[in-house]
Structures are given as structure tokens and as C-alpha cells.
Amino acid sequence: MSREELAYKGAANNDEAEFPAVMLPNIPGRIFDITLYGAIGDGLTDNTDAIERAIEACSAAEGGRVLIPAGIWLTGPIVLRSKIELHAAAGALISFSRQFESYPLAVS
């Protein structure tokens, strides 16, 4: 079965129920390494801007993989966009800042 044909089937109230097919995103093969945008994986440097630049470049290229290599990466909020995969390599640790004013509150 192809990725596009994947479907979740289950039962509801003992009646067979079929749910719509789950469509997996088509992520282009381009790789955007955050270190090429100025990120430093020392656990001390704020990499929020560098990660945002990598995401922006990836989005402008119509998608791909934003790579976070091995290291300790301090950052504030990360906002992804369509057709972008955030990939943390083996040995990568994303540490989010404790500067809570950096995180906008969602009003509902």
C-alpha cells in the first residue's frame, strides 16, 4: 500500500467504520542545516534567529528538512511552515529558553 493509500480503519459502536485516508506530507529532499545560518550548539548561545532563518530559507525554497545536528541548541519558540520537516539528528538536544516573555500566549 502506498503512503497515499494509508487509511485508519476502526469500529464505532460495533459497526464497521472507515475513516478518511491519512495523507502524509510530501517533504522535498532539500536540507537546511541550522549551523549554516549561524546556530551554535554550545547550550549557551540563543539560536532562535538562526533557526528562524533556516526555516525561512526552507520555506522560500518550497520546503525541505531543517536539520538540527548533534549538540545542545538553546532556542525560543519555533514556528514551522508547510512542507517543512524539523529533524533532530542523533545527539541533538533542543533546549527551550526559560524567557517566558518570548512565548506569545494564544487567546481563545
N, C-alpha and C. Protein backbone atom coordinates (compact mmCIF):
# COMPACT_ATOMS: atom_id res chain seq x y z
N MET A 1 0.86 -1.17 0.00
CA MET A 1 0.00 0.00 0.00
C MET A 1 0.90 1.23 0.00
N SER A 2 0.61 2.19 -0.86
CA SER A 2 1.42 3.39 -0.95
C SER A 2 1.13 4.32 0.23
N ARG A 3 1.99 5.28 0.45
CA ARG A 3 1.77 6.25 1.54
C ARG A 3 0.45 6.96 1.38
N GLU A 4 0.09 7.27 0.14
CA GLU A 4 -1.14 7.99 -0.12
C GLU A 4 -2.38 7.14 0.14
N GLU A 5 -2.23 5.82 0.12
CA GLU A 5 -3.37 4.93 0.30
C GLU A 5 -3.58 4.51 1.76
N LEU A 6 -2.69 4.94 2.64
CA LEU A 6 -2.83 4.57 4.04
C LEU A 6 -4.15 5.08 4.60
N ALA A 7 -4.83 4.23 5.31
CA ALA A 7 -6.10 4.63 5.92
C ALA A 7 -6.20 3.99 7.29
N TYR A 8 -6.88 4.67 8.17
CA TYR A 8 -7.12 4.15 9.50
C TYR A 8 -8.52 3.56 9.51
N LYS A 9 -8.64 2.29 9.90
CA LYS A 9 -9.94 1.63 9.99
C LYS A 9 -10.19 1.26 11.44
N GLY A 10 -11.41 1.41 11.88
CA GLY A 10 -11.75 1.07 13.24
C GLY A 10 -13.22 0.74 13.34
N ALA A 11 -13.65 0.48 14.54
CA ALA A 11 -15.06 0.16 14.75
C ALA A 11 -15.66 1.18 15.70
N ALA A 12 -16.87 1.59 15.42
CA ALA A 12 -17.60 2.53 16.28
C ALA A 12 -18.95 1.91 16.58
N ASN A 13 -19.23 1.69 17.85
CA ASN A 13 -20.50 1.08 18.27
C ASN A 13 -20.74 -0.25 17.57
N ASN A 14 -19.69 -1.06 17.44
CA ASN A 14 -19.74 -2.38 16.80
C ASN A 14 -20.09 -2.33 15.33
N ASP A 15 -20.22 -1.19 14.73
CA ASP A 15 -20.42 -1.06 13.29
C ASP A 15 -19.07 -0.74 12.67
N GLU A 16 -18.79 -1.36 11.56
CA GLU A 16 -17.52 -1.06 10.89
C GLU A 16 -17.53 0.39 10.44
N ALA A 17 -16.47 1.08 10.76
CA ALA A 17 -16.34 2.48 10.35
C ALA A 17 -15.03 2.63 9.61
N GLU A 18 -15.04 3.34 8.53
CA GLU A 18 -13.82 3.62 7.80
C GLU A 18 -13.59 5.11 7.83
N PHE A 19 -12.41 5.48 8.23
CA PHE A 19 -12.06 6.89 8.32
C PHE A 19 -11.34 7.32 7.04
N PRO A 20 -11.33 8.60 6.76
CA PRO A 20 -10.64 9.07 5.55
C PRO A 20 -9.17 8.70 5.57
N ALA A 21 -8.62 8.55 4.40
CA ALA A 21 -7.20 8.21 4.27
C ALA A 21 -6.35 9.30 4.92
N VAL A 22 -5.29 8.87 5.58
CA VAL A 22 -4.35 9.80 6.18
C VAL A 22 -3.30 10.11 5.12
N MET A 23 -3.24 11.35 4.72
CA MET A 23 -2.29 11.76 3.69
C MET A 23 -1.01 12.29 4.37
N LEU A 24 0.08 11.63 4.09
CA LEU A 24 1.35 12.09 4.63
C LEU A 24 1.88 13.24 3.79
N PRO A 25 2.55 14.20 4.41
CA PRO A 25 3.05 15.34 3.64
C PRO A 25 4.16 14.93 2.68
N ASN A 26 4.27 15.63 1.59
CA ASN A 26 5.33 15.41 0.63
C ASN A 26 6.43 16.43 0.93
N ILE A 27 7.48 15.99 1.60
CA ILE A 27 8.57 16.88 2.01
C ILE A 27 9.70 16.77 0.98
N PRO A 28 10.06 17.86 0.31
CA PRO A 28 11.17 17.81 -0.65
C PRO A 28 12.47 17.40 0.03
N GLY A 29 13.42 16.90 -0.74
CA GLY A 29 14.67 16.36 -0.22
C GLY A 29 15.74 17.37 0.16
N ARG A 30 15.46 18.66 0.04
CA ARG A 30 16.46 19.68 0.37
C ARG A 30 16.73 19.71 1.87
N ILE A 31 17.99 19.96 2.25
CA ILE A 31 18.38 20.01 3.67
C ILE A 31 18.93 21.40 3.98
N PHE A 32 18.44 21.97 5.09
CA PHE A 32 18.86 23.29 5.56
C PHE A 32 19.43 23.11 6.96
N ASP A 33 20.75 23.02 7.06
CA ASP A 33 21.45 22.82 8.32
C ASP A 33 21.50 24.15 9.07
N ILE A 34 21.01 24.17 10.30
CA ILE A 34 20.91 25.43 11.05
C ILE A 34 22.27 26.07 11.30
N THR A 35 23.36 25.27 11.28
CA THR A 35 24.69 25.86 11.50
C THR A 35 25.09 26.77 10.35
N LEU A 36 24.54 26.53 9.16
CA LEU A 36 24.83 27.39 8.01
C LEU A 36 24.13 28.74 8.13
N TYR A 37 23.25 28.87 9.11
CA TYR A 37 22.51 30.12 9.35
C TYR A 37 22.95 30.77 10.66
N GLY A 38 24.08 30.30 11.20
CA GLY A 38 24.68 30.93 12.37
C GLY A 38 24.42 30.25 13.70
N ALA A 39 23.76 29.11 13.73
CA ALA A 39 23.47 28.43 15.00
C ALA A 39 24.74 27.82 15.58
N ILE A 40 24.83 27.87 16.90
CA ILE A 40 25.98 27.32 17.64
C ILE A 40 25.42 26.40 18.72
N GLY A 41 25.82 25.14 18.69
CA GLY A 41 25.28 24.12 19.60
C GLY A 41 26.06 23.96 20.88
N ASP A 42 26.27 25.06 21.59
CA ASP A 42 27.04 25.01 22.84
C ASP A 42 26.16 25.00 24.09
N GLY A 43 24.85 25.07 23.92
CA GLY A 43 23.94 25.08 25.06
C GLY A 43 23.81 26.44 25.72
N LEU A 44 24.56 27.42 25.25
CA LEU A 44 24.54 28.76 25.84
C LEU A 44 24.04 29.83 24.87
N THR A 45 24.35 29.66 23.59
CA THR A 45 24.01 30.64 22.57
C THR A 45 22.54 30.55 22.21
N ASP A 46 21.86 31.69 22.16
CA ASP A 46 20.45 31.71 21.75
C ASP A 46 20.40 31.56 20.22
N ASN A 47 19.84 30.46 19.76
CA ASN A 47 19.79 30.14 18.34
C ASN A 47 18.44 30.43 17.70
N THR A 48 17.57 31.16 18.38
CA THR A 48 16.23 31.43 17.87
C THR A 48 16.28 32.06 16.47
N ASP A 49 17.08 33.09 16.29
CA ASP A 49 17.16 33.78 15.00
C ASP A 49 17.74 32.88 13.91
N ALA A 50 18.78 32.11 14.23
CA ALA A 50 19.40 31.23 13.24
C ALA A 50 18.42 30.14 12.79
N ILE A 51 17.68 29.57 13.72
CA ILE A 51 16.69 28.55 13.37
C ILE A 51 15.59 29.16 12.52
N GLU A 52 15.16 30.36 12.86
CA GLU A 52 14.14 31.05 12.07
C GLU A 52 14.65 31.33 10.66
N ARG A 53 15.92 31.72 10.52
CA ARG A 53 16.48 31.97 9.19
C ARG A 53 16.50 30.68 8.35
N ALA A 54 16.86 29.56 8.98
CA ALA A 54 16.86 28.28 8.28
C ALA A 54 15.45 27.89 7.84
N ILE A 55 14.47 28.10 8.72
CA ILE A 55 13.07 27.80 8.39
C ILE A 55 12.60 28.71 7.27
N GLU A 56 12.96 29.99 7.32
CA GLU A 56 12.58 30.95 6.28
C GLU A 56 13.16 30.54 4.93
N ALA A 57 14.44 30.16 4.91
CA ALA A 57 15.07 29.73 3.66
C ALA A 57 14.42 28.46 3.13
N CYS A 58 14.11 27.54 4.00
CA CYS A 58 13.45 26.30 3.62
C CYS A 58 12.08 26.59 3.03
N SER A 59 11.33 27.47 3.65
CA SER A 59 10.01 27.85 3.17
C SER A 59 10.10 28.54 1.82
N ALA A 60 11.07 29.44 1.66
CA ALA A 60 11.25 30.15 0.39
C ALA A 60 11.60 29.19 -0.74
N ALA A 61 12.24 28.05 -0.39
CA ALA A 61 12.59 27.04 -1.39
C ALA A 61 11.45 26.03 -1.58
N GLU A 62 10.31 26.32 -1.01
CA GLU A 62 9.11 25.48 -1.09
C GLU A 62 9.26 24.15 -0.37
N GLY A 63 9.99 24.18 0.75
CA GLY A 63 10.02 23.04 1.65
C GLY A 63 11.31 22.26 1.66
N GLY A 64 11.42 21.39 2.67
CA GLY A 64 12.58 20.54 2.85
C GLY A 64 12.75 20.19 4.32
N ARG A 65 13.96 19.79 4.67
CA ARG A 65 14.27 19.37 6.03
C ARG A 65 15.17 20.41 6.69
N VAL A 66 14.75 20.91 7.85
CA VAL A 66 15.60 21.78 8.65
C VAL A 66 16.32 20.87 9.63
N LEU A 67 17.63 20.78 9.48
CA LEU A 67 18.45 19.84 10.24
C LEU A 67 19.05 20.50 11.47
N ILE A 68 18.84 19.85 12.61
CA ILE A 68 19.48 20.26 13.85
C ILE A 68 20.50 19.17 14.17
N PRO A 69 21.79 19.44 13.95
CA PRO A 69 22.82 18.41 14.15
C PRO A 69 23.08 18.17 15.64
N ALA A 70 23.96 17.22 15.91
CA ALA A 70 24.33 16.91 17.29
C ALA A 70 24.83 18.16 18.00
N GLY A 71 24.44 18.32 19.24
CA GLY A 71 24.82 19.48 20.03
C GLY A 71 23.66 19.86 20.94
N ILE A 72 23.86 20.88 21.73
CA ILE A 72 22.79 21.39 22.61
C ILE A 72 22.41 22.75 22.06
N TRP A 73 21.15 22.88 21.64
CA TRP A 73 20.67 24.04 20.90
C TRP A 73 19.65 24.81 21.72
N LEU A 74 20.08 25.92 22.29
CA LEU A 74 19.18 26.79 23.05
C LEU A 74 18.37 27.63 22.08
N THR A 75 17.06 27.69 22.27
CA THR A 75 16.20 28.46 21.38
C THR A 75 14.96 28.93 22.11
N GLY A 76 14.32 29.91 21.51
CA GLY A 76 12.99 30.34 21.93
C GLY A 76 11.98 29.57 21.10
N PRO A 77 10.81 30.17 20.86
CA PRO A 77 9.77 29.46 20.12
C PRO A 77 10.21 29.13 18.68
N ILE A 78 9.74 27.98 18.20
CA ILE A 78 9.99 27.55 16.83
C ILE A 78 8.64 27.49 16.12
N VAL A 79 8.52 28.21 15.01
CA VAL A 79 7.28 28.21 14.24
C VAL A 79 7.58 27.58 12.88
N LEU A 80 6.96 26.43 12.63
CA LEU A 80 7.17 25.74 11.36
C LEU A 80 6.17 26.21 10.32
N ARG A 81 6.44 25.86 9.09
CA ARG A 81 5.56 26.20 7.97
C ARG A 81 5.29 24.95 7.16
N SER A 82 4.46 25.08 6.15
CA SER A 82 4.10 23.94 5.31
C SER A 82 5.32 23.34 4.61
N LYS A 83 5.28 22.03 4.43
CA LYS A 83 6.29 21.27 3.71
C LYS A 83 7.67 21.36 4.34
N ILE A 84 7.71 21.53 5.68
CA ILE A 84 8.98 21.59 6.40
C ILE A 84 9.01 20.50 7.46
N GLU A 85 10.09 19.74 7.46
CA GLU A 85 10.33 18.73 8.49
C GLU A 85 11.45 19.24 9.37
N LEU A 86 11.21 19.29 10.68
CA LEU A 86 12.25 19.65 11.64
C LEU A 86 12.88 18.34 12.09
N HIS A 87 14.16 18.15 11.78
CA HIS A 87 14.83 16.89 12.05
C HIS A 87 15.97 17.10 13.04
N ALA A 88 15.86 16.47 14.20
CA ALA A 88 16.93 16.49 15.20
C ALA A 88 17.77 15.24 15.00
N ALA A 89 19.04 15.41 14.64
CA ALA A 89 19.95 14.28 14.42
C ALA A 89 20.27 13.60 15.75
N ALA A 90 20.82 12.41 15.66
CA ALA A 90 21.27 11.69 16.87
C ALA A 90 22.24 12.59 17.62
N GLY A 91 22.04 12.73 18.92
CA GLY A 91 22.91 13.56 19.74
C GLY A 91 22.50 15.01 19.81
N ALA A 92 21.39 15.37 19.17
CA ALA A 92 20.90 16.76 19.22
C ALA A 92 19.92 16.90 20.38
N LEU A 93 20.05 17.97 21.11
CA LEU A 93 19.13 18.29 22.20
C LEU A 93 18.67 19.73 22.01
N ILE A 94 17.36 19.91 21.87
CA ILE A 94 16.79 21.25 21.74
C ILE A 94 16.36 21.68 23.13
N SER A 95 16.95 22.76 23.61
CA SER A 95 16.66 23.29 24.93
C SER A 95 15.94 24.62 24.77
N PHE A 96 14.69 24.66 25.23
CA PHE A 96 13.90 25.87 25.05
C PHE A 96 14.18 26.86 26.17
N SER A 97 14.29 28.11 25.79
CA SER A 97 14.59 29.21 26.69
C SER A 97 13.56 29.31 27.81
N ARG A 98 14.00 29.76 28.94
CA ARG A 98 13.09 30.00 30.08
C ARG A 98 12.65 31.46 30.13
N GLN A 99 12.93 32.20 29.08
CA GLN A 99 12.46 33.60 28.99
C GLN A 99 11.03 33.55 28.48
N PHE A 100 10.10 33.40 29.40
CA PHE A 100 8.71 33.14 29.06
C PHE A 100 8.05 34.28 28.29
N GLU A 101 8.61 35.48 28.38
CA GLU A 101 8.06 36.60 27.62
C GLU A 101 8.28 36.40 26.11
N SER A 102 9.16 35.49 25.73
CA SER A 102 9.42 35.20 24.31
C SER A 102 8.30 34.37 23.68
N TYR A 103 7.49 33.74 24.51
CA TYR A 103 6.44 32.84 24.02
C TYR A 103 5.09 33.55 24.05
N PRO A 104 4.52 33.83 22.90
CA PRO A 104 3.22 34.52 22.89
C PRO A 104 2.12 33.60 23.40
N LEU A 105 1.16 34.19 24.09
CA LEU A 105 0.02 33.43 24.58
C LEU A 105 -1.03 33.37 23.49
N ALA A 106 -1.64 32.22 23.35
CA ALA A 106 -2.73 32.06 22.39
C ALA A 106 -4.03 32.40 23.10
N VAL A 107 -4.78 33.32 22.55
CA VAL A 107 -6.04 33.73 23.13
C VAL A 107 -7.16 32.98 22.40
N SER A 108 -7.99 32.29 23.16
CA SER A 108 -9.08 31.57 22.51
C SER A 108 -10.43 32.08 22.98
